[in-house]
Amino acid sequence: MGKDECKTMLDALNKVTACYRHLVIALGSTSDSQNLREELKKTRKKAQELAVANRTKLTALLKDKTTSKDDRAEYERLWVLFTSSMELLEVDMKRSLELGQDFPLKVPTRHFIQTGMTGSTTTVAARAMSVQNMKYDADSNIDTTDLKELQAEITQVGQMMEEMQMKVQVAPWAVEAKQEAGAELKSTLSIGNSSVGVISICEEEPKDEMDEGGDDNGMITCVAGFMFIVIVVIAGVLGYFVVGG
């Protein structure tokens, strides 16, 4: 029961941090807006709440002396995944702070960057928050108040990670993976109820399209061969006249 609960909680954290990274990418681009800044704020706070819950649960299980060897090995694996997710969250929060300072909304100091991204990020934020529709607050001090809060939260996350390392001694290099690298990317199934979206990967191209492509490639090869022969003949004729002259 403990392992399943931990996996579900960790899955939820991973999905929210992934959504947060997706939102951070839009900062400073033409998709940037006050709504995006509020989405970032709510998403990172959700991620921090899940992080605290994961830390509390896993710390208690790893410090329990009655935990079996097999269960402890699984908890250590989940702990390594948890700390990795926290490191990514911290990096993205720092990136969000830097971009927020470089691209203020109320008093713009530079033009937004045309990155090719278009449309709203509301859907991503709604998935992270597990709601149907996002509600926004008209915060006129989003440039100053939120950035100060973000800076304080970055410090808190860093302190929490230091405390985690002191309370639980788990060597990442000693933990064995249970599946090959990238195996989760080949699955089209959601892991748990906390999933915020299903990633589908098309591994094969339709056979008909491949057959049509083969015919086209054959025609291109024939044309290329003919052009090569023509070029060789022309070069030979020119060489003859040059030598003869």
C-alpha atoms as a PDB file:
ATOM      1  CA  MET A   1       0.000   0.000   0.000  1.00  0.00           C
ATOM      2  CA  GLY A   2       2.847   2.363   0.899  1.00  0.00           C
ATOM      3  CA  LYS A   3       4.658   1.789  -2.396  1.00  0.00           C
ATOM      4  CA  ASP A   4       1.583   2.388  -4.521  1.00  0.00           C
ATOM      5  CA  GLU A   5       0.780   5.575  -2.632  1.00  0.00           C
ATOM      6  CA  CYS A   6       4.343   6.837  -3.041  1.00  0.00           C
ATOM      7  CA  LYS A   7       4.319   6.083  -6.755  1.00  0.00           C
ATOM      8  CA  THR A   8       1.042   7.955  -7.213  1.00  0.00           C
ATOM      9  CA  MET A   9       2.307  10.970  -5.273  1.00  0.00           C
ATOM     10  CA  LEU A  10       5.579  11.014  -7.179  1.00  0.00           C
ATOM     11  CA  ASP A  11       3.772  10.668 -10.484  1.00  0.00           C
ATOM     12  CA  ALA A  12       1.655  13.700  -9.608  1.00  0.00           C
ATOM     13  CA  LEU A  13       4.759  15.727  -8.741  1.00  0.00           C
ATOM     14  CA  ASN A  14       6.515  14.749 -11.967  1.00  0.00           C
ATOM     15  CA  LYS A  15       3.536  15.763 -14.073  1.00  0.00           C
ATOM     16  CA  VAL A  16       3.190  19.158 -12.356  1.00  0.00           C
ATOM     17  CA  THR A  17       6.906  19.928 -12.652  1.00  0.00           C
ATOM     18  CA  ALA A  18       6.749  18.964 -16.331  1.00  0.00           C
ATOM     19  CA  CYS A  19       3.838  21.378 -16.836  1.00  0.00           C
ATOM     20  CA  TYR A  20       5.779  24.067 -14.988  1.00  0.00           C
ATOM     21  CA  ARG A  21       8.747  23.624 -17.323  1.00  0.00           C
ATOM     22  CA  HIS A  22       6.414  23.902 -20.317  1.00  0.00           C
ATOM     23  CA  LEU A  23       5.092  27.208 -18.963  1.00  0.00           C
ATOM     24  CA  VAL A  24       8.567  28.582 -18.202  1.00  0.00           C
ATOM     25  CA  ILE A  25       9.532  28.108 -21.853  1.00  0.00           C
ATOM     26  CA  ALA A  26       6.866  30.664 -22.848  1.00  0.00           C
ATOM     27  CA  LEU A  27       8.315  33.409 -20.611  1.00  0.00           C
ATOM     28  CA  GLY A  28       9.688  36.321 -22.602  1.00  0.00           C
ATOM     29  CA  SER A  29       8.071  35.104 -25.809  1.00  0.00           C
ATOM     30  CA  THR A  30       5.083  36.523 -27.657  1.00  0.00           C
ATOM     31  CA  SER A  31       2.943  34.045 -25.667  1.00  0.00           C
ATOM     32  CA  ASP A  32       3.901  35.778 -22.415  1.00  0.00           C
ATOM     33  CA  SER A  33       1.123  37.522 -20.493  1.00  0.00           C
ATOM     34  CA  GLN A  34      -0.167  38.233 -17.014  1.00  0.00           C
ATOM     35  CA  ASN A  35      -2.228  35.051 -17.193  1.00  0.00           C
ATOM     36  CA  LEU A  36       0.948  33.076 -17.862  1.00  0.00           C
ATOM     37  CA  ARG A  37       2.638  34.645 -14.826  1.00  0.00           C
ATOM     38  CA  GLU A  38      -0.327  33.658 -12.648  1.00  0.00           C
ATOM     39  CA  GLU A  39      -0.293  30.146 -14.112  1.00  0.00           C
ATOM     40  CA  LEU A  40       3.383  29.843 -13.258  1.00  0.00           C
ATOM     41  CA  LYS A  41       2.746  31.012  -9.709  1.00  0.00           C
ATOM     42  CA  LYS A  42      -0.075  28.556  -9.080  1.00  0.00           C
ATOM     43  CA  THR A  43       1.731  25.660 -10.744  1.00  0.00           C
ATOM     44  CA  ARG A  44       4.967  26.080  -8.803  1.00  0.00           C
ATOM     45  CA  LYS A  45       3.060  26.355  -5.523  1.00  0.00           C
ATOM     46  CA  LYS A  46       1.219  23.143  -6.389  1.00  0.00           C
ATOM     47  CA  ALA A  47       4.566  21.489  -7.121  1.00  0.00           C
ATOM     48  CA  GLN A  48       5.950  22.607  -3.762  1.00  0.00           C
ATOM     49  CA  GLU A  49       2.919  21.230  -1.914  1.00  0.00           C
ATOM     50  CA  LEU A  50       3.380  17.868  -3.628  1.00  0.00           C
ATOM     51  CA  ALA A  51       7.106  17.977  -2.891  1.00  0.00           C
ATOM     52  CA  VAL A  52       6.476  18.402   0.837  1.00  0.00           C
ATOM     53  CA  ALA A  53       4.003  15.518   0.804  1.00  0.00           C
ATOM     54  CA  ASN A  54       6.479  13.279  -1.045  1.00  0.00           C
ATOM     55  CA  ARG A  55       9.310  14.188   1.304  1.00  0.00           C
ATOM     56  CA  THR A  56       7.250  13.498   4.422  1.00  0.00           C
ATOM     57  CA  LYS A  57       5.998  10.140   3.175  1.00  0.00           C
ATOM     58  CA  LEU A  58       9.296   8.830   1.809  1.00  0.00           C
ATOM     59  CA  THR A  59      11.341  10.050   4.768  1.00  0.00           C
ATOM     60  CA  ALA A  60       9.104   8.205   7.205  1.00  0.00           C
ATOM     61  CA  LEU A  61       9.276   4.980   5.181  1.00  0.00           C
ATOM     62  CA  LEU A  62      13.050   5.091   4.719  1.00  0.00           C
ATOM     63  CA  LYS A  63      13.669   5.747   8.419  1.00  0.00           C
ATOM     64  CA  ASP A  64      11.384   2.881   9.439  1.00  0.00           C
ATOM     65  CA  LYS A  65      13.615   0.080  10.769  1.00  0.00           C
ATOM     66  CA  THR A  66      10.936  -2.543  10.157  1.00  0.00           C
ATOM     67  CA  THR A  67      10.917  -1.983   6.386  1.00  0.00           C
ATOM     68  CA  SER A  68      11.951  -5.091   4.465  1.00  0.00           C
ATOM     69  CA  LYS A  69      15.051  -5.104   2.271  1.00  0.00           C
ATOM     70  CA  ASP A  70      13.068  -5.283  -0.975  1.00  0.00           C
ATOM     71  CA  ASP A  71      10.697  -2.507   0.066  1.00  0.00           C
ATOM     72  CA  ARG A  72      13.582  -0.304   1.140  1.00  0.00           C
ATOM     73  CA  ALA A  73      15.262  -0.793  -2.238  1.00  0.00           C
ATOM     74  CA  GLU A  74      12.049   0.375  -3.935  1.00  0.00           C
ATOM     75  CA  TYR A  75      11.730   3.391  -1.614  1.00  0.00           C
ATOM     76  CA  GLU A  76      15.336   4.333  -2.304  1.00  0.00           C
ATOM     77  CA  ARG A  77      14.643   4.201  -6.036  1.00  0.00           C
ATOM     78  CA  LEU A  78      11.613   6.454  -5.579  1.00  0.00           C
ATOM     79  CA  TRP A  79      13.703   8.763  -3.410  1.00  0.00           C
ATOM     80  CA  VAL A  80      16.279   9.198  -6.166  1.00  0.00           C
ATOM     81  CA  LEU A  81      13.505   9.979  -8.661  1.00  0.00           C
ATOM     82  CA  PHE A  82      12.018  12.436  -6.186  1.00  0.00           C
ATOM     83  CA  THR A  83      15.297  14.297  -5.636  1.00  0.00           C
ATOM     84  CA  SER A  84      15.848  14.465  -9.411  1.00  0.00           C
ATOM     85  CA  SER A  85      12.420  16.013  -9.861  1.00  0.00           C
ATOM     86  CA  MET A  86      13.197  18.548  -7.132  1.00  0.00           C
ATOM     87  CA  GLU A  87      16.457  19.517  -8.810  1.00  0.00           C
ATOM     88  CA  LEU A  88      14.626  20.140 -12.082  1.00  0.00           C
ATOM     89  CA  LEU A  89      11.994  22.208 -10.276  1.00  0.00           C
ATOM     90  CA  GLU A  90      14.673  24.358  -8.630  1.00  0.00           C
ATOM     91  CA  VAL A  91      16.420  24.940 -11.960  1.00  0.00           C
ATOM     92  CA  ASP A  92      13.164  25.982 -13.643  1.00  0.00           C
ATOM     93  CA  MET A  93      12.228  28.283 -10.777  1.00  0.00           C
ATOM     94  CA  LYS A  94      15.578  30.059 -11.107  1.00  0.00           C
ATOM     95  CA  ARG A  95      15.070  30.328 -14.857  1.00  0.00           C
ATOM     96  CA  SER A  96      11.593  31.744 -14.295  1.00  0.00           C
ATOM     97  CA  LEU A  97      13.029  34.366 -11.929  1.00  0.00           C
ATOM     98  CA  GLU A  98      15.678  35.455 -14.421  1.00  0.00           C
ATOM     99  CA  LEU A  99      13.239  35.687 -17.332  1.00  0.00           C
ATOM    100  CA  GLY A 100      10.666  37.466 -15.185  1.00  0.00           C
ATOM    101  CA  GLN A 101      13.247  40.079 -14.267  1.00  0.00           C
ATOM    102  CA  ASP A 102      14.430  40.460 -17.870  1.00  0.00           C
ATOM    103  CA  PHE A 103      10.904  40.732 -19.302  1.00  0.00           C
ATOM    104  CA  PRO A 104       8.705  42.786 -16.919  1.00  0.00           C
ATOM    105  CA  LEU A 105       5.089  43.141 -18.023  1.00  0.00           C
ATOM    106  CA  LYS A 106       4.057  46.503 -16.595  1.00  0.00           C
ATOM    107  CA  VAL A 107       7.118  48.462 -17.691  1.00  0.00           C
ATOM    108  CA  PRO A 108       8.597  46.577 -20.652  1.00  0.00           C
ATOM    109  CA  THR A 109      12.323  47.068 -21.105  1.00  0.00           C
ATOM    110  CA  ARG A 110      12.688  44.947 -24.235  1.00  0.00           C
ATOM    111  CA  HIS A 111      10.584  43.382 -26.966  1.00  0.00           C
ATOM    112  CA  PHE A 112       9.212  39.887 -26.530  1.00  0.00           C
ATOM    113  CA  ILE A 113      11.040  37.200 -28.484  1.00  0.00           C
ATOM    114  CA  GLN A 114       9.333  35.623 -31.487  1.00  0.00           C
ATOM    115  CA  THR A 115       9.964  31.964 -30.693  1.00  0.00           C
ATOM    116  CA  GLY A 116       7.269  30.508 -32.923  1.00  0.00           C
ATOM    117  CA  MET A 117       5.082  29.556 -29.958  1.00  0.00           C
ATOM    118  CA  THR A 118       1.479  30.695 -30.300  1.00  0.00           C
ATOM    119  CA  GLY A 119      -1.744  30.298 -28.393  1.00  0.00           C
ATOM    120  CA  SER A 120      -2.680  30.147 -24.747  1.00  0.00           C
ATOM    121  CA  THR A 121      -0.987  28.065 -22.059  1.00  0.00           C
ATOM    122  CA  THR A 122      -4.194  27.774 -20.047  1.00  0.00           C
ATOM    123  CA  THR A 123      -4.729  24.106 -20.922  1.00  0.00           C
ATOM    124  CA  VAL A 124      -1.316  23.117 -19.591  1.00  0.00           C
ATOM    125  CA  ALA A 125      -1.867  25.034 -16.352  1.00  0.00           C
ATOM    126  CA  ALA A 126      -5.337  23.546 -15.907  1.00  0.00           C
ATOM    127  CA  ARG A 127      -3.896  20.059 -16.215  1.00  0.00           C
ATOM    128  CA  ALA A 128      -1.255  20.836 -13.621  1.00  0.00           C
ATOM    129  CA  MET A 129      -3.882  22.138 -11.219  1.00  0.00           C
ATOM    130  CA  SER A 130      -6.349  19.322 -12.063  1.00  0.00           C
ATOM    131  CA  VAL A 131      -9.150  21.776 -12.830  1.00  0.00           C
ATOM    132  CA  GLN A 132     -11.418  22.289 -15.799  1.00  0.00           C
ATOM    133  CA  ASN A 133     -11.018  26.069 -16.018  1.00  0.00           C
ATOM    134  CA  MET A 134      -8.352  28.365 -14.609  1.00  0.00           C
ATOM    135  CA  LYS A 135      -9.385  31.375 -12.526  1.00  0.00           C
ATOM    136  CA  TYR A 136      -7.215  34.463 -12.701  1.00  0.00           C
ATOM    137  CA  ASP A 137      -6.673  37.295 -10.240  1.00  0.00           C
ATOM    138  CA  ALA A 138      -6.000  40.802 -11.491  1.00  0.00           C
ATOM    139  CA  ASP A 139      -2.697  41.388  -9.710  1.00  0.00           C
ATOM    140  CA  SER A 140      -1.288  44.760 -10.716  1.00  0.00           C
ATOM    141  CA  ASN A 141       2.013  44.083  -8.930  1.00  0.00           C
ATOM    142  CA  ILE A 142       2.788  40.798 -10.663  1.00  0.00           C
ATOM    143  CA  ASP A 143       6.230  42.072 -11.668  1.00  0.00           C
ATOM    144  CA  THR A 144       7.365  42.920  -8.145  1.00  0.00           C
ATOM    145  CA  THR A 145       5.354  40.941  -5.590  1.00  0.00           C
ATOM    146  CA  ASP A 146       5.476  37.605  -7.384  1.00  0.00           C
ATOM    147  CA  LEU A 147       9.183  37.838  -8.179  1.00  0.00           C
ATOM    148  CA  LYS A 148       9.963  38.473  -4.509  1.00  0.00           C
ATOM    149  CA  GLU A 149       7.850  35.484  -3.526  1.00  0.00           C
ATOM    150  CA  LEU A 150       9.550  33.368  -6.172  1.00  0.00           C
ATOM    151  CA  GLN A 151      12.999  34.329  -4.896  1.00  0.00           C
ATOM    152  CA  ALA A 152      12.003  33.349  -1.350  1.00  0.00           C
ATOM    153  CA  GLU A 153      10.521  30.050  -2.573  1.00  0.00           C
ATOM    154  CA  ILE A 154      13.739  29.199  -4.443  1.00  0.00           C
ATOM    155  CA  THR A 155      15.622  29.578  -1.155  1.00  0.00           C
ATOM    156  CA  GLN A 156      13.076  27.365   0.608  1.00  0.00           C
ATOM    157  CA  VAL A 157      13.372  24.635  -2.031  1.00  0.00           C
ATOM    158  CA  GLY A 158      17.154  24.720  -1.752  1.00  0.00           C
ATOM    159  CA  GLN A 159      16.980  24.433   2.030  1.00  0.00           C
ATOM    160  CA  MET A 160      14.506  21.571   1.798  1.00  0.00           C
ATOM    161  CA  MET A 161      16.825  19.653  -0.531  1.00  0.00           C
ATOM    162  CA  GLU A 162      19.741  20.143   1.896  1.00  0.00           C
ATOM    163  CA  GLU A 163      17.615  18.867   4.788  1.00  0.00           C
ATOM    164  CA  MET A 164      16.560  15.873   2.702  1.00  0.00           C
ATOM    165  CA  GLN A 165      20.185  14.900   2.108  1.00  0.00           C
ATOM    166  CA  MET A 166      20.950  15.168   5.826  1.00  0.00           C
ATOM    167  CA  LYS A 167      17.930  13.164   6.989  1.00  0.00           C
ATOM    168  CA  VAL A 168      18.115  10.355   4.441  1.00  0.00           C
ATOM    169  CA  GLN A 169      21.404   8.912   3.233  1.00  0.00           C
ATOM    170  CA  VAL A 170      20.727   7.392  -0.185  1.00  0.00           C
ATOM    171  CA  ALA A 171      23.576   7.117  -2.689  1.00  0.00           C
ATOM    172  CA  PRO A 172      22.086   7.615  -6.195  1.00  0.00           C
ATOM    173  CA  TRP A 173      24.810   5.513  -7.849  1.00  0.00           C
ATOM    174  CA  ALA A 174      23.932   2.569  -5.606  1.00  0.00           C
ATOM    175  CA  VAL A 175      20.287   2.474  -6.670  1.00  0.00           C
ATOM    176  CA  GLU A 176      19.449   0.118  -9.524  1.00  0.00           C
ATOM    177  CA  ALA A 177      16.892   1.075 -12.167  1.00  0.00           C
ATOM    178  CA  LYS A 178      13.975  -1.302 -12.745  1.00  0.00           C
ATOM    179  CA  GLN A 179      13.600  -0.551 -16.436  1.00  0.00           C
ATOM    180  CA  GLU A 180      15.734   0.526 -19.371  1.00  0.00           C
ATOM    181  CA  ALA A 181      16.349   4.212 -19.995  1.00  0.00           C
ATOM    182  CA  GLY A 182      13.501   5.762 -21.968  1.00  0.00           C
ATOM    183  CA  ALA A 183      11.198   2.781 -21.481  1.00  0.00           C
ATOM    184  CA  GLU A 184       8.423   5.012 -20.160  1.00  0.00           C
ATOM    185  CA  LEU A 185       8.414   6.972 -23.426  1.00  0.00           C
ATOM    186  CA  LYS A 186       7.356   3.869 -25.341  1.00  0.00           C
ATOM    187  CA  SER A 187       4.188   3.477 -23.327  1.00  0.00           C
ATOM    188  CA  THR A 188       0.941   5.104 -24.419  1.00  0.00           C
ATOM    189  CA  LEU A 189      -0.771   4.368 -21.122  1.00  0.00           C
ATOM    190  CA  SER A 190      -1.201   6.753 -18.216  1.00  0.00           C
ATOM    191  CA  ILE A 191       0.535   5.602 -15.048  1.00  0.00           C
ATOM    192  CA  GLY A 192      -2.050   6.707 -12.518  1.00  0.00           C
ATOM    193  CA  ASN A 193      -5.108   8.774 -11.763  1.00  0.00           C
ATOM    194  CA  SER A 194      -2.924  11.820 -11.239  1.00  0.00           C
ATOM    195  CA  SER A 195      -1.880  11.833 -14.872  1.00  0.00           C
ATOM    196  CA  VAL A 196      -2.259  15.216 -16.547  1.00  0.00           C
ATOM    197  CA  GLY A 197      -2.038  13.942 -20.068  1.00  0.00           C
ATOM    198  CA  VAL A 198      -1.205  10.918 -22.167  1.00  0.00           C
ATOM    199  CA  ILE A 199       1.787  11.051 -24.466  1.00  0.00           C
ATOM    200  CA  SER A 200       1.279   8.906 -27.522  1.00  0.00           C
ATOM    201  CA  ILE A 201       4.238   7.960 -29.671  1.00  0.00           C
ATOM    202  CA  CYS A 202       3.871   6.732 -33.208  1.00  0.00           C
ATOM    203  CA  GLU A 203       6.669   4.249 -33.722  1.00  0.00           C
ATOM    204  CA  GLU A 204       5.770   3.085 -37.220  1.00  0.00           C
ATOM    205  CA  GLU A 205       4.905   4.876 -40.427  1.00  0.00           C
ATOM    206  CA  PRO A 206       1.936   3.626 -42.471  1.00  0.00           C
ATOM    207  CA  LYS A 207       3.045   0.943 -44.891  1.00  0.00           C
ATOM    208  CA  ASP A 208       1.246   2.485 -47.855  1.00  0.00           C
ATOM    209  CA  GLU A 209       3.057   5.760 -47.414  1.00  0.00           C
ATOM    210  CA  MET A 210       6.363   3.938 -47.264  1.00  0.00           C
ATOM    211  CA  ASP A 211       5.586   2.102 -50.497  1.00  0.00           C
ATOM    212  CA  GLU A 212       4.669   5.350 -52.253  1.00  0.00           C
ATOM    213  CA  GLY A 213       7.829   6.923 -50.928  1.00  0.00           C
ATOM    214  CA  GLY A 214       9.840   4.009 -52.355  1.00  0.00           C
ATOM    215  CA  ASP A 215       8.450   4.640 -55.861  1.00  0.00           C
ATOM    216  CA  ASP A 216       9.262   8.345 -55.619  1.00  0.00           C
ATOM    217  CA  ASN A 217      12.769   7.587 -54.448  1.00  0.00           C
ATOM    218  CA  GLY A 218      13.315   5.270 -57.428  1.00  0.00           C
ATOM    219  CA  MET A 219      12.270   7.985 -59.886  1.00  0.00           C
ATOM    220  CA  ILE A 220      14.552  10.506 -58.214  1.00  0.00           C
ATOM    221  CA  THR A 221      17.463   8.061 -58.436  1.00  0.00           C
ATOM    222  CA  CYS A 222      16.921   7.567 -62.189  1.00  0.00           C
ATOM    223  CA  VAL A 223      16.795  11.319 -62.836  1.00  0.00           C
ATOM    224  CA  ALA A 224      19.918  11.886 -60.774  1.00  0.00           C
ATOM    225  CA  GLY A 225      21.764   9.154 -62.693  1.00  0.00           C
ATOM    226  CA  PHE A 226      20.777  10.652 -66.053  1.00  0.00           C
ATOM    227  CA  MET A 227      21.914  14.139 -64.994  1.00  0.00           C
ATOM    228  CA  PHE A 228      25.241  12.713 -63.837  1.00  0.00           C
ATOM    229  CA  ILE A 229      25.836  11.091 -67.248  1.00  0.00           C
ATOM    230  CA  VAL A 230      24.978  14.355 -69.045  1.00  0.00           C
ATOM    231  CA  ILE A 231      27.432  16.280 -66.873  1.00  0.00           C
ATOM    232  CA  VAL A 232      30.195  13.741 -67.532  1.00  0.00           C
ATOM    233  CA  VAL A 233      29.627  13.933 -71.318  1.00  0.00           C
ATOM    234  CA  ILE A 234      29.689  17.753 -71.292  1.00  0.00           C
ATOM    235  CA  ALA A 235      32.854  17.764 -69.215  1.00  0.00           C
ATOM    236  CA  GLY A 236      34.485  15.323 -71.655  1.00  0.00           C
ATOM    237  CA  VAL A 237      33.589  17.462 -74.687  1.00  0.00           C
ATOM    238  CA  LEU A 238      34.890  20.631 -73.072  1.00  0.00           C
ATOM    239  CA  GLY A 239      38.081  18.829 -72.053  1.00  0.00           C
ATOM    240  CA  TYR A 240      38.581  17.656 -75.658  1.00  0.00           C
ATOM    241  CA  PHE A 241      38.300  21.205 -77.051  1.00  0.00           C
ATOM    242  CA  VAL A 242      40.618  22.590 -74.382  1.00  0.00           C
ATOM    243  CA  VAL A 243      43.304  19.957 -75.085  1.00  0.00           C
ATOM    244  CA  GLY A 244      42.847  20.278 -78.816  1.00  0.00           C
ATOM    245  CA  GLY A 245      43.164  24.070 -78.627  1.00  0.00           C
END
